[in-house]
Amino acid sequence: QVRFVEAGGGLVQAGGSLRLSCAPSKSAYPLNTIGWYRQAPGKQRDLVARITSGGATYYVDSVKGRFTISRDNAKNTVFLQMNSLKPEDTGVYYCREWPIGLWGQGTQVTVSS
């Protein structure tokens, strides 16, 4: 297993969008099922979305219709497109292999009201 590198976070107003990216620290490492997780301030880290090697996706109810997880196999990268962001989406976003993998450093997403 390897750690993944997350990028793309930032500060955005409610209703805005961000696109996060997730790539393995070793470029040739194969992407299996990858999950995006969110850790809100003072809360546990929870799965937000995941995508299999075949492209099947899963979302928690709170992000359905707003977030889209995708993968670019040529770039060996997984993306999380986040639209219609809400203040409750604020947190550090992590990606890793699902169900078990190594945690990276995450990327901070802050949504202001």
PDB file of N, CA and C in Angstrom:
ATOM      1  N   GLN A   1       0.844  -1.195   0.000  1.00  0.00           N
ATOM      2  CA  GLN A   1       0.000   0.000   0.000  1.00  0.00           C
ATOM      3  C   GLN A   1       0.878   1.243   0.000  1.00  0.00           C
ATOM      4  N   VAL A   2       0.328   2.321  -0.566  1.00  0.00           N
ATOM      5  CA  VAL A   2       1.027   3.594  -0.569  1.00  0.00           C
ATOM      6  C   VAL A   2       0.081   4.679  -0.080  1.00  0.00           C
ATOM      7  N   ARG A   3       0.665   5.794   0.280  1.00  0.00           N
ATOM      8  CA  ARG A   3      -0.147   6.961   0.625  1.00  0.00           C
ATOM      9  C   ARG A   3      -0.551   7.679  -0.653  1.00  0.00           C
ATOM     10  N   PHE A   4      -1.648   8.401  -0.540  1.00  0.00           N
ATOM     11  CA  PHE A   4      -2.120   9.191  -1.670  1.00  0.00           C
ATOM     12  C   PHE A   4      -1.944  10.670  -1.357  1.00  0.00           C
ATOM     13  N   VAL A   5      -1.826  11.461  -2.390  1.00  0.00           N
ATOM     14  CA  VAL A   5      -1.618  12.898  -2.253  1.00  0.00           C
ATOM     15  C   VAL A   5      -2.882  13.609  -2.712  1.00  0.00           C
ATOM     16  N   GLU A   6      -3.465  14.360  -1.787  1.00  0.00           N
ATOM     17  CA  GLU A   6      -4.683  15.109  -2.092  1.00  0.00           C
ATOM     18  C   GLU A   6      -4.341  16.567  -2.403  1.00  0.00           C
ATOM     19  N   ALA A   7      -5.109  17.167  -3.290  1.00  0.00           N
ATOM     20  CA  ALA A   7      -4.903  18.569  -3.651  1.00  0.00           C
ATOM     21  C   ALA A   7      -6.216  19.176  -4.111  1.00  0.00           C
ATOM     22  N   GLY A   8      -6.269  20.503  -4.104  1.00  0.00           N
ATOM     23  CA  GLY A   8      -7.422  21.199  -4.662  1.00  0.00           C
ATOM     24  C   GLY A   8      -8.329  21.870  -3.664  1.00  0.00           C
ATOM     25  N   GLY A   9      -8.027  21.726  -2.387  1.00  0.00           N
ATOM     26  CA  GLY A   9      -8.863  22.371  -1.380  1.00  0.00           C
ATOM     27  C   GLY A   9      -8.691  23.875  -1.374  1.00  0.00           C
ATOM     28  N   GLY A  10      -9.502  24.526  -0.572  1.00  0.00           N
ATOM     29  CA  GLY A  10      -9.411  25.975  -0.471  1.00  0.00           C
ATOM     30  C   GLY A  10     -10.588  26.549   0.265  1.00  0.00           C
ATOM     31  N   LEU A  11     -10.699  27.874   0.191  1.00  0.00           N
ATOM     32  CA  LEU A  11     -11.794  28.604   0.812  1.00  0.00           C
ATOM     33  C   LEU A  11     -12.772  29.033  -0.275  1.00  0.00           C
ATOM     34  N   VAL A  12     -14.035  28.724  -0.072  1.00  0.00           N
ATOM     35  CA  VAL A  12     -15.049  29.046  -1.074  1.00  0.00           C
ATOM     36  C   VAL A  12     -16.327  29.468  -0.361  1.00  0.00           C
ATOM     37  N   GLN A  13     -17.103  30.301  -1.001  1.00  0.00           N
ATOM     38  CA  GLN A  13     -18.386  30.698  -0.437  1.00  0.00           C
ATOM     39  C   GLN A  13     -19.426  29.612  -0.657  1.00  0.00           C
ATOM     40  N   ALA A  14     -20.413  29.614   0.194  1.00  0.00           N
ATOM     41  CA  ALA A  14     -21.508  28.663   0.039  1.00  0.00           C
ATOM     42  C   ALA A  14     -22.097  28.795  -1.364  1.00  0.00           C
ATOM     43  N   GLY A  15     -22.377  27.649  -1.961  1.00  0.00           N
ATOM     44  CA  GLY A  15     -22.871  27.609  -3.330  1.00  0.00           C
ATOM     45  C   GLY A  15     -21.790  27.462  -4.372  1.00  0.00           C
ATOM     46  N   GLY A  16     -20.554  27.604  -3.946  1.00  0.00           N
ATOM     47  CA  GLY A  16     -19.437  27.497  -4.868  1.00  0.00           C
ATOM     48  C   GLY A  16     -19.028  26.063  -5.138  1.00  0.00           C
ATOM     49  N   SER A  17     -17.925  25.926  -5.882  1.00  0.00           N
ATOM     50  CA  SER A  17     -17.443  24.607  -6.298  1.00  0.00           C
ATOM     51  C   SER A  17     -15.943  24.488  -6.078  1.00  0.00           C
ATOM     52  N   LEU A  18     -15.524  23.260  -5.882  1.00  0.00           N
ATOM     53  CA  LEU A  18     -14.109  22.907  -5.821  1.00  0.00           C
ATOM     54  C   LEU A  18     -13.933  21.544  -6.466  1.00  0.00           C
ATOM     55  N   ARG A  19     -12.755  21.314  -6.986  1.00  0.00           N
ATOM     56  CA  ARG A  19     -12.423  20.003  -7.553  1.00  0.00           C
ATOM     57  C   ARG A  19     -11.163  19.502  -6.869  1.00  0.00           C
ATOM     58  N   LEU A  20     -11.311  18.390  -6.171  1.00  0.00           N
ATOM     59  CA  LEU A  20     -10.190  17.777  -5.480  1.00  0.00           C
ATOM     60  C   LEU A  20      -9.580  16.683  -6.343  1.00  0.00           C
ATOM     61  N   SER A  21      -8.280  16.492  -6.185  1.00  0.00           N
ATOM     62  CA  SER A  21      -7.611  15.408  -6.899  1.00  0.00           C
ATOM     63  C   SER A  21      -6.880  14.517  -5.907  1.00  0.00           C
ATOM     64  N   CYS A  22      -6.672  13.285  -6.321  1.00  0.00           N
ATOM     65  CA  CYS A  22      -6.070  12.259  -5.461  1.00  0.00           C
ATOM     66  C   CYS A  22      -5.207  11.384  -6.334  1.00  0.00           C
ATOM     67  N   ALA A  23      -3.922  11.313  -6.036  1.00  0.00           N
ATOM     68  CA  ALA A  23      -3.007  10.496  -6.822  1.00  0.00           C
ATOM     69  C   ALA A  23      -2.077   9.746  -5.888  1.00  0.00           C
ATOM     70  N   PRO A  24      -1.672   8.554  -6.258  1.00  0.00           N
ATOM     71  CA  PRO A  24      -0.755   7.795  -5.411  1.00  0.00           C
ATOM     72  C   PRO A  24       0.618   8.444  -5.359  1.00  0.00           C
ATOM     73  N   SER A  25       1.283   8.311  -4.219  1.00  0.00           N
ATOM     74  CA  SER A  25       2.617   8.898  -4.069  1.00  0.00           C
ATOM     75  C   SER A  25       3.643   8.211  -4.965  1.00  0.00           C
ATOM     76  N   LYS A  26       3.355   6.976  -5.346  1.00  0.00           N
ATOM     77  CA  LYS A  26       4.176   6.278  -6.340  1.00  0.00           C
ATOM     78  C   LYS A  26       3.345   6.223  -7.611  1.00  0.00           C
ATOM     79  N   SER A  27       3.801   6.871  -8.656  1.00  0.00           N
ATOM     80  CA  SER A  27       2.970   7.120  -9.837  1.00  0.00           C
ATOM     81  C   SER A  27       2.471   5.858 -10.511  1.00  0.00           C
ATOM     82  N   ALA A  28       3.207   4.763 -10.422  1.00  0.00           N
ATOM     83  CA  ALA A  28       2.801   3.551 -11.121  1.00  0.00           C
ATOM     84  C   ALA A  28       1.882   2.668 -10.287  1.00  0.00           C
ATOM     85  N   TYR A  29       1.578   3.095  -9.072  1.00  0.00           N
ATOM     86  CA  TYR A  29       0.742   2.269  -8.195  1.00  0.00           C
ATOM     87  C   TYR A  29      -0.659   2.186  -8.779  1.00  0.00           C
ATOM     88  N   PRO A  30      -1.203   0.974  -8.914  1.00  0.00           N
ATOM     89  CA  PRO A  30      -2.523   0.834  -9.524  1.00  0.00           C
ATOM     90  C   PRO A  30      -3.636   1.371  -8.634  1.00  0.00           C
ATOM     91  N   LEU A  31      -4.610   2.021  -9.264  1.00  0.00           N
ATOM     92  CA  LEU A  31      -5.768   2.505  -8.529  1.00  0.00           C
ATOM     93  C   LEU A  31      -6.804   1.406  -8.428  1.00  0.00           C
ATOM     94  N   ASN A  32      -7.075   0.992  -7.228  1.00  0.00           N
ATOM     95  CA  ASN A  32      -8.165   0.036  -7.008  1.00  0.00           C
ATOM     96  C   ASN A  32      -9.386   0.848  -6.574  1.00  0.00           C
ATOM     97  N   THR A  33     -10.168   0.356  -5.644  1.00  0.00           N
ATOM     98  CA  THR A  33     -11.283   1.149  -5.137  1.00  0.00           C
ATOM     99  C   THR A  33     -10.728   2.255  -4.241  1.00  0.00           C
ATOM    100  N   ILE A  34     -11.108   3.477  -4.561  1.00  0.00           N
ATOM    101  CA  ILE A  34     -10.622   4.640  -3.830  1.00  0.00           C
ATOM    102  C   ILE A  34     -11.793   5.358  -3.163  1.00  0.00           C
ATOM    103  N   GLY A  35     -11.582   5.754  -1.951  1.00  0.00           N
ATOM    104  CA  GLY A  35     -12.606   6.485  -1.223  1.00  0.00           C
ATOM    105  C   GLY A  35     -12.134   7.877  -0.857  1.00  0.00           C
ATOM    106  N   TRP A  36     -13.076   8.818  -0.885  1.00  0.00           N
ATOM    107  CA  TRP A  36     -12.847  10.157  -0.353  1.00  0.00           C
ATOM    108  C   TRP A  36     -13.526  10.223   1.015  1.00  0.00           C
ATOM    109  N   TYR A  37     -12.794  10.769   1.974  1.00  0.00           N
ATOM    110  CA  TYR A  37     -13.275  10.879   3.336  1.00  0.00           C
ATOM    111  C   TYR A  37     -13.231  12.341   3.768  1.00  0.00           C
ATOM    112  N   ARG A  38     -14.073  12.672   4.723  1.00  0.00           N
ATOM    113  CA  ARG A  38     -14.105  14.042   5.244  1.00  0.00           C
ATOM    114  C   ARG A  38     -14.048  13.988   6.761  1.00  0.00           C
ATOM    115  N   GLN A  39     -13.233  14.868   7.319  1.00  0.00           N
ATOM    116  CA  GLN A  39     -13.192  15.009   8.768  1.00  0.00           C
ATOM    117  C   GLN A  39     -13.519  16.453   9.117  1.00  0.00           C
ATOM    118  N   ALA A  40     -14.727  16.655   9.602  1.00  0.00           N
ATOM    119  CA  ALA A  40     -15.145  17.978  10.025  1.00  0.00           C
ATOM    120  C   ALA A  40     -14.523  18.292  11.385  1.00  0.00           C
ATOM    121  N   PRO A  41     -14.407  19.561  11.716  1.00  0.00           N
ATOM    122  CA  PRO A  41     -13.809  19.934  13.007  1.00  0.00           C
ATOM    123  C   PRO A  41     -14.508  19.265  14.178  1.00  0.00           C
ATOM    124  N   GLY A  42     -13.730  18.562  14.994  1.00  0.00           N
ATOM    125  CA  GLY A  42     -14.266  17.917  16.183  1.00  0.00           C
ATOM    126  C   GLY A  42     -15.053  16.653  15.931  1.00  0.00           C
ATOM    127  N   LYS A  43     -15.026  16.154  14.697  1.00  0.00           N
ATOM    128  CA  LYS A  43     -15.797  14.957  14.367  1.00  0.00           C
ATOM    129  C   LYS A  43     -14.899  13.871  13.816  1.00  0.00           C
ATOM    130  N   GLN A  44     -15.455  12.686  13.683  1.00  0.00           N
ATOM    131  CA  GLN A  44     -14.679  11.578  13.151  1.00  0.00           C
ATOM    132  C   GLN A  44     -14.566  11.682  11.637  1.00  0.00           C
ATOM    133  N   ARG A  45     -13.648  10.937  11.090  1.00  0.00           N
ATOM    134  CA  ARG A  45     -13.432  10.907   9.653  1.00  0.00           C
ATOM    135  C   ARG A  45     -14.413   9.927   9.028  1.00  0.00           C
ATOM    136  N   ASP A  46     -15.199  10.393   8.083  1.00  0.00           N
ATOM    137  CA  ASP A  46     -16.246   9.565   7.473  1.00  0.00           C
ATOM    138  C   ASP A  46     -16.082   9.483   5.963  1.00  0.00           C
ATOM    139  N   LEU A  47     -16.501   8.348   5.420  1.00  0.00           N
ATOM    140  CA  LEU A  47     -16.501   8.167   3.962  1.00  0.00           C
ATOM    141  C   LEU A  47     -17.556   9.077   3.333  1.00  0.00           C
ATOM    142  N   VAL A  48     -17.175   9.742   2.264  1.00  0.00           N
ATOM    143  CA  VAL A  48     -18.087  10.623   1.534  1.00  0.00           C
ATOM    144  C   VAL A  48     -18.496   9.996   0.203  1.00  0.00           C
ATOM    145  N   ALA A  49     -17.527   9.403  -0.477  1.00  0.00           N
ATOM    146  CA  ALA A  49     -17.791   8.794  -1.783  1.00  0.00           C
ATOM    147  C   ALA A  49     -16.685   7.795  -2.075  1.00  0.00           C
ATOM    148  N   ARG A  50     -16.974   6.855  -2.950  1.00  0.00           N
ATOM    149  CA  ARG A  50     -15.939   5.926  -3.379  1.00  0.00           C
ATOM    150  C   ARG A  50     -16.212   5.504  -4.821  1.00  0.00           C
ATOM    151  N   ILE A  51     -15.152   5.022  -5.471  1.00  0.00           N
ATOM    152  CA  ILE A  51     -15.265   4.576  -6.857  1.00  0.00           C
ATOM    153  C   ILE A  51     -14.414   3.336  -7.031  1.00  0.00           C
ATOM    154  N   THR A  52     -14.973   2.350  -7.713  1.00  0.00           N
ATOM    155  CA  THR A  52     -14.248   1.110  -7.952  1.00  0.00           C
ATOM    156  C   THR A  52     -13.359   1.239  -9.177  1.00  0.00           C
ATOM    157  N   SER A  53     -12.543   0.229  -9.416  1.00  0.00           N
ATOM    158  CA  SER A  53     -11.691   0.229 -10.597  1.00  0.00           C
ATOM    159  C   SER A  53     -12.526   0.215 -11.873  1.00  0.00           C
ATOM    160  N   GLY A  54     -13.738  -0.310 -11.776  1.00  0.00           N
ATOM    161  CA  GLY A  54     -14.625  -0.358 -12.927  1.00  0.00           C
ATOM    162  C   GLY A  54     -15.503   0.871 -13.088  1.00  0.00           C
ATOM    163  N   GLY A  55     -15.405   1.802 -12.132  1.00  0.00           N
ATOM    164  CA  GLY A  55     -16.155   3.045 -12.250  1.00  0.00           C
ATOM    165  C   GLY A  55     -17.463   3.092 -11.491  1.00  0.00           C
ATOM    166  N   ALA A  56     -17.787   2.044 -10.757  1.00  0.00           N
ATOM    167  CA  ALA A  56     -19.007   2.083  -9.950  1.00  0.00           C
ATOM    168  C   ALA A  56     -18.801   3.035  -8.781  1.00  0.00           C
ATOM    169  N   THR A  57     -19.834   3.803  -8.489  1.00  0.00           N
ATOM    170  CA  THR A  57     -19.704   4.850  -7.478  1.00  0.00           C
ATOM    171  C   THR A  57     -20.689   4.672  -6.334  1.00  0.00           C
ATOM    172  N   TYR A  58     -20.330   5.255  -5.210  1.00  0.00           N
ATOM    173  CA  TYR A  58     -21.179   5.291  -4.025  1.00  0.00           C
ATOM    174  C   TYR A  58     -21.030   6.665  -3.388  1.00  0.00           C
ATOM    175  N   TYR A  59     -22.162   7.209  -2.894  1.00  0.00           N
ATOM    176  CA  TYR A  59     -22.140   8.491  -2.207  1.00  0.00           C
ATOM    177  C   TYR A  59     -22.965   8.401  -0.925  1.00  0.00           C
ATOM    178  N   VAL A  60     -22.536   9.123   0.088  1.00  0.00           N
ATOM    179  CA  VAL A  60     -23.397   9.247   1.249  1.00  0.00           C
ATOM    180  C   VAL A  60     -24.541  10.191   0.881  1.00  0.00           C
ATOM    181  N   ASP A  61     -25.643  10.058   1.589  1.00  0.00           N
ATOM    182  CA  ASP A  61     -26.844  10.816   1.227  1.00  0.00           C
ATOM    183  C   ASP A  61     -26.609  12.328   1.228  1.00  0.00           C
ATOM    184  N   SER A  62     -25.780  12.800   2.145  1.00  0.00           N
ATOM    185  CA  SER A  62     -25.619  14.253   2.307  1.00  0.00           C
ATOM    186  C   SER A  62     -24.946  14.921   1.112  1.00  0.00           C
ATOM    187  N   VAL A  63     -24.298  14.157   0.242  1.00  0.00           N
ATOM    188  CA  VAL A  63     -23.605  14.762  -0.903  1.00  0.00           C
ATOM    189  C   VAL A  63     -24.192  14.327  -2.238  1.00  0.00           C
ATOM    190  N   LYS A  64     -25.153  13.438  -2.223  1.00  0.00           N
ATOM    191  CA  LYS A  64     -25.759  12.967  -3.480  1.00  0.00           C
ATOM    192  C   LYS A  64     -26.337  14.139  -4.253  1.00  0.00           C
ATOM    193  N   GLY A  65     -26.057  14.168  -5.551  1.00  0.00           N
ATOM    194  CA  GLY A  65     -26.550  15.241  -6.401  1.00  0.00           C
ATOM    195  C   GLY A  65     -25.673  16.483  -6.393  1.00  0.00           C
ATOM    196  N   ARG A  66     -24.716  16.549  -5.488  1.00  0.00           N
ATOM    197  CA  ARG A  66     -23.813  17.716  -5.419  1.00  0.00           C
ATOM    198  C   ARG A  66     -22.363  17.336  -5.713  1.00  0.00           C
ATOM    199  N   PHE A  67     -21.932  16.171  -5.274  1.00  0.00           N
ATOM    200  CA  PHE A  67     -20.559  15.715  -5.470  1.00  0.00           C
ATOM    201  C   PHE A  67     -20.523  14.647  -6.553  1.00  0.00           C
ATOM    202  N   THR A  68     -19.440  14.630  -7.307  1.00  0.00           N
ATOM    203  CA  THR A  68     -19.223  13.600  -8.312  1.00  0.00           C
ATOM    204  C   THR A  68     -17.803  13.087  -8.194  1.00  0.00           C
ATOM    205  N   ILE A  69     -17.677  11.774  -7.992  1.00  0.00           N
ATOM    206  CA  ILE A  69     -16.359  11.151  -7.950  1.00  0.00           C
ATOM    207  C   ILE A  69     -16.086  10.539  -9.318  1.00  0.00           C
ATOM    208  N   SER A  70     -14.852  10.682  -9.782  1.00  0.00           N
ATOM    209  CA  SER A  70     -14.500  10.141 -11.100  1.00  0.00           C
ATOM    210  C   SER A  70     -13.036   9.743 -11.074  1.00  0.00           C
ATOM    211  N   ARG A  71     -12.627   9.041 -12.107  1.00  0.00           N
ATOM    212  CA  ARG A  71     -11.229   8.636 -12.201  1.00  0.00           C
ATOM    213  C   ARG A  71     -10.740   8.819 -13.617  1.00  0.00           C
ATOM    214  N   ASP A  72      -9.481   9.188 -13.746  1.00  0.00           N
ATOM    215  CA  ASP A  72      -8.816   9.297 -15.037  1.00  0.00           C
ATOM    216  C   ASP A  72      -7.693   8.280 -15.002  1.00  0.00           C
ATOM    217  N   ASN A  73      -7.931   7.150 -15.632  1.00  0.00           N
ATOM    218  CA  ASN A  73      -6.944   6.063 -15.562  1.00  0.00           C
ATOM    219  C   ASN A  73      -5.640   6.434 -16.256  1.00  0.00           C
ATOM    220  N   ALA A  74      -5.712   7.251 -17.285  1.00  0.00           N
ATOM    221  CA  ALA A  74      -4.494   7.660 -17.990  1.00  0.00           C
ATOM    222  C   ALA A  74      -3.596   8.494 -17.074  1.00  0.00           C
ATOM    223  N   LYS A  75      -4.242   9.289 -16.199  1.00  0.00           N
ATOM    224  CA  LYS A  75      -3.487  10.122 -15.264  1.00  0.00           C
ATOM    225  C   LYS A  75      -3.311   9.451 -13.906  1.00  0.00           C
ATOM    226  N   ASN A  76      -3.935   8.265 -13.772  1.00  0.00           N
ATOM    227  CA  ASN A  76      -3.860   7.538 -12.502  1.00  0.00           C
ATOM    228  C   ASN A  76      -4.292   8.425 -11.335  1.00  0.00           C
ATOM    229  N   THR A  77      -5.414   9.114 -11.541  1.00  0.00           N
ATOM    230  CA  THR A  77      -5.887  10.099 -10.584  1.00  0.00           C
ATOM    231  C   THR A  77      -7.390   9.948 -10.383  1.00  0.00           C
ATOM    232  N   VAL A  78      -7.817  10.168  -9.162  1.00  0.00           N
ATOM    233  CA  VAL A  78      -9.237  10.196  -8.843  1.00  0.00           C
ATOM    234  C   VAL A  78      -9.610  11.628  -8.465  1.00  0.00           C
ATOM    235  N   PHE A  79     -10.785  12.053  -8.888  1.00  0.00           N
ATOM    236  CA  PHE A  79     -11.239  13.418  -8.640  1.00  0.00           C
ATOM    237  C   PHE A  79     -12.531  13.411  -7.817  1.00  0.00           C
ATOM    238  N   LEU A  80     -12.744  14.500  -7.110  1.00  0.00           N
ATOM    239  CA  LEU A  80     -14.012  14.725  -6.435  1.00  0.00           C
ATOM    240  C   LEU A  80     -14.467  16.134  -6.786  1.00  0.00           C
ATOM    241  N   GLN A  81     -15.467  16.207  -7.651  1.00  0.00           N
ATOM    242  CA  GLN A  81     -16.047  17.484  -8.031  1.00  0.00           C
ATOM    243  C   GLN A  81     -17.132  17.816  -7.026  1.00  0.00           C
ATOM    244  N   MET A  82     -16.988  18.956  -6.382  1.00  0.00           N
ATOM    245  CA  MET A  82     -17.932  19.347  -5.332  1.00  0.00           C
ATOM    246  C   MET A  82     -18.632  20.632  -5.749  1.00  0.00           C
ATOM    247  N   ASN A  83     -19.927  20.543  -5.963  1.00  0.00           N
ATOM    248  CA  ASN A  83     -20.739  21.687  -6.363  1.00  0.00           C
ATOM    249  C   ASN A  83     -21.739  22.020  -5.262  1.00  0.00           C
ATOM    250  N   SER A  84     -22.303  23.201  -5.346  1.00  0.00           N
ATOM    251  CA  SER A  84     -23.320  23.652  -4.379  1.00  0.00           C
ATOM    252  C   SER A  84     -22.841  23.418  -2.949  1.00  0.00           C
ATOM    253  N   LEU A  85     -21.628  23.829  -2.693  1.00  0.00           N
ATOM    254  CA  LEU A  85     -21.024  23.571  -1.384  1.00  0.00           C
ATOM    255  C   LEU A  85     -21.766  24.292  -0.270  1.00  0.00           C
ATOM    256  N   LYS A  86     -21.806  23.643   0.875  1.00  0.00           N
ATOM    257  CA  LYS A  86     -22.478  24.160   2.062  1.00  0.00           C
ATOM    258  C   LYS A  86     -21.464  24.302   3.200  1.00  0.00           C
ATOM    259  N   PRO A  87     -21.731  25.163   4.154  1.00  0.00           N
ATOM    260  CA  PRO A  87     -20.797  25.287   5.290  1.00  0.00           C
ATOM    261  C   PRO A  87     -20.534  23.955   5.989  1.00  0.00           C
ATOM    262  N   GLU A  88     -21.516  23.079   6.012  1.00  0.00           N
ATOM    263  CA  GLU A  88     -21.327  21.773   6.657  1.00  0.00           C
ATOM    264  C   GLU A  88     -20.422  20.840   5.876  1.00  0.00           C
ATOM    265  N   ASP A  89     -19.995  21.239   4.677  1.00  0.00           N
ATOM    266  CA  ASP A  89     -19.014  20.462   3.916  1.00  0.00           C
ATOM    267  C   ASP A  89     -17.594  20.796   4.354  1.00  0.00           C
ATOM    268  N   THR A  90     -17.440  21.761   5.215  1.00  0.00           N
ATOM    269  CA  THR A  90     -16.121  22.158   5.699  1.00  0.00           C
ATOM    270  C   THR A  90     -15.431  21.009   6.417  1.00  0.00           C
ATOM    271  N   GLY A  91     -14.149  20.850   6.136  1.00  0.00           N
ATOM    272  CA  GLY A  91     -13.370  19.819   6.785  1.00  0.00           C
ATOM    273  C   GLY A  91     -12.103  19.520   6.011  1.00  0.00           C
ATOM    274  N   VAL A  92     -11.352  18.569   6.522  1.00  0.00           N
ATOM    275  CA  VAL A  92     -10.180  18.086   5.793  1.00  0.00           C
ATOM    276  C   VAL A  92     -10.607  16.855   5.006  1.00  0.00           C
ATOM    277  N   TYR A  93     -10.302  16.864   3.743  1.00  0.00           N
ATOM    278  CA  TYR A  93     -10.681  15.774   2.846  1.00  0.00           C
ATOM    279  C   TYR A  93      -9.459  14.902   2.564  1.00  0.00           C
ATOM    280  N   TYR A  94      -9.667  13.615   2.724  1.00  0.00           N
ATOM    281  CA  TYR A  94      -8.618  12.628   2.524  1.00  0.00           C
ATOM    282  C   TYR A  94      -9.077  11.611   1.473  1.00  0.00           C
ATOM    283  N   CYS A  95      -8.117  11.009   0.787  1.00  0.00           N
ATOM    284  CA  CYS A  95      -8.448   9.876  -0.058  1.00  0.00           C
ATOM    285  C   CYS A  95      -7.501   8.732   0.302  1.00  0.00           C
ATOM    286  N   ARG A  96      -7.977   7.552   0.101  1.00  0.00           N
ATOM    287  CA  ARG A  96      -7.165   6.369   0.323  1.00  0.00           C
ATOM    288  C   ARG A  96      -7.882   5.187  -0.303  1.00  0.00           C
ATOM    289  N   GLU A  97      -7.181   4.058  -0.356  1.00  0.00           N
ATOM    290  CA  GLU A  97      -7.799   2.839  -0.847  1.00  0.00           C
ATOM    291  C   GLU A  97      -8.918   2.447   0.128  1.00  0.00           C
ATOM    292  N   TRP A  98      -9.969   1.886  -0.451  1.00  0.00           N
ATOM    293  CA  TRP A  98     -11.104   1.419   0.339  1.00  0.00           C
ATOM    294  C   TRP A  98     -11.163  -0.081   0.271  1.00  0.00           C
ATOM    295  N   PRO A  99     -11.430  -0.787   1.383  1.00  0.00           N
ATOM    296  CA  PRO A  99     -11.781  -0.248   2.693  1.00  0.00           C
ATOM    297  C   PRO A  99     -10.597   0.067   3.609  1.00  0.00           C
ATOM    298  N   ILE A 100      -9.420  -0.394   3.237  1.00  0.00           N
ATOM    299  CA  ILE A 100      -8.270  -0.182   4.119  1.00  0.00           C
ATOM    300  C   ILE A 100      -7.130   0.421   3.314  1.00  0.00           C
ATOM    301  N   GLY A 101      -6.466   1.411   3.886  1.00  0.00           N
ATOM    302  CA  GLY A 101      -5.335   2.028   3.220  1.00  0.00           C
ATOM    303  C   GLY A 101      -4.621   2.986   4.147  1.00  0.00           C
ATOM    304  N   LEU A 102      -3.604   3.624   3.616  1.00  0.00           N
ATOM    305  CA  LEU A 102      -2.817   4.573   4.392  1.00  0.00           C
ATOM    306  C   LEU A 102      -3.377   5.982   4.206  1.00  0.00           C
ATOM    307  N   TRP A 103      -3.359   6.748   5.284  1.00  0.00           N
ATOM    308  CA  TRP A 103      -3.845   8.122   5.198  1.00  0.00           C
ATOM    309  C   TRP A 103      -2.741   9.054   4.721  1.00  0.00           C
ATOM    310  N   GLY A 104      -3.119  10.006   3.877  1.00  0.00           N
ATOM    311  CA  GLY A 104      -2.206  11.067   3.484  1.00  0.00           C
ATOM    312  C   GLY A 104      -2.416  12.265   4.385  1.00  0.00           C
ATOM    313  N   GLN A 105      -1.976  13.429   3.916  1.00  0.00           N
ATOM    314  CA  GLN A 105      -2.081  14.635   4.733  1.00  0.00           C
ATOM    315  C   GLN A 105      -3.409  15.352   4.561  1.00  0.00           C
ATOM    316  N   GLY A 106      -4.146  15.031   3.522  1.00  0.00           N
ATOM    317  CA  GLY A 106      -5.448  15.647   3.306  1.00  0.00           C
ATOM    318  C   GLY A 106      -5.344  17.042   2.726  1.00  0.00           C
ATOM    319  N   THR A 107      -6.506  17.568   2.353  1.00  0.00           N
ATOM    320  CA  THR A 107      -6.580  18.926   1.837  1.00  0.00           C
ATOM    321  C   THR A 107      -7.767  19.628   2.503  1.00  0.00           C
ATOM    322  N   GLN A 108      -7.543  20.842   2.961  1.00  0.00           N
ATOM    323  CA  GLN A 108      -8.547  21.571   3.726  1.00  0.00           C
ATOM    324  C   GLN A 108      -9.566  22.224   2.789  1.00  0.00           C
ATOM    325  N   VAL A 109     -10.831  22.008   3.099  1.00  0.00           N
ATOM    326  CA  VAL A 109     -11.929  22.676   2.399  1.00  0.00           C
ATOM    327  C   VAL A 109     -12.705  23.488   3.425  1.00  0.00           C
ATOM    328  N   THR A 110     -12.831  24.766   3.162  1.00  0.00           N
ATOM    329  CA  THR A 110     -13.576  25.647   4.051  1.00  0.00           C
ATOM    330  C   THR A 110     -14.654  26.357   3.249  1.00  0.00           C
ATOM    331  N   VAL A 111     -15.897  26.206   3.680  1.00  0.00           N
ATOM    332  CA  VAL A 111     -17.023  26.824   2.992  1.00  0.00           C
ATOM    333  C   VAL A 111     -17.612  27.876   3.928  1.00  0.00           C
ATOM    334  N   SER A 112     -17.564  29.108   3.485  1.00  0.00           N
ATOM    335  CA  SER A 112     -18.093  30.198   4.304  1.00  0.00           C
ATOM    336  C   SER A 112     -19.549  30.477   3.963  1.00  0.00           C
ATOM    337  N   SER A 113     -20.285  30.910   4.968  1.00  0.00           N
ATOM    338  CA  SER A 113     -21.723  31.168   4.748  1.00  0.00           C
ATOM    339  C   SER A 113     -21.960  32.595   4.292  1.00  0.00           C
TER     340      SER A 113
END
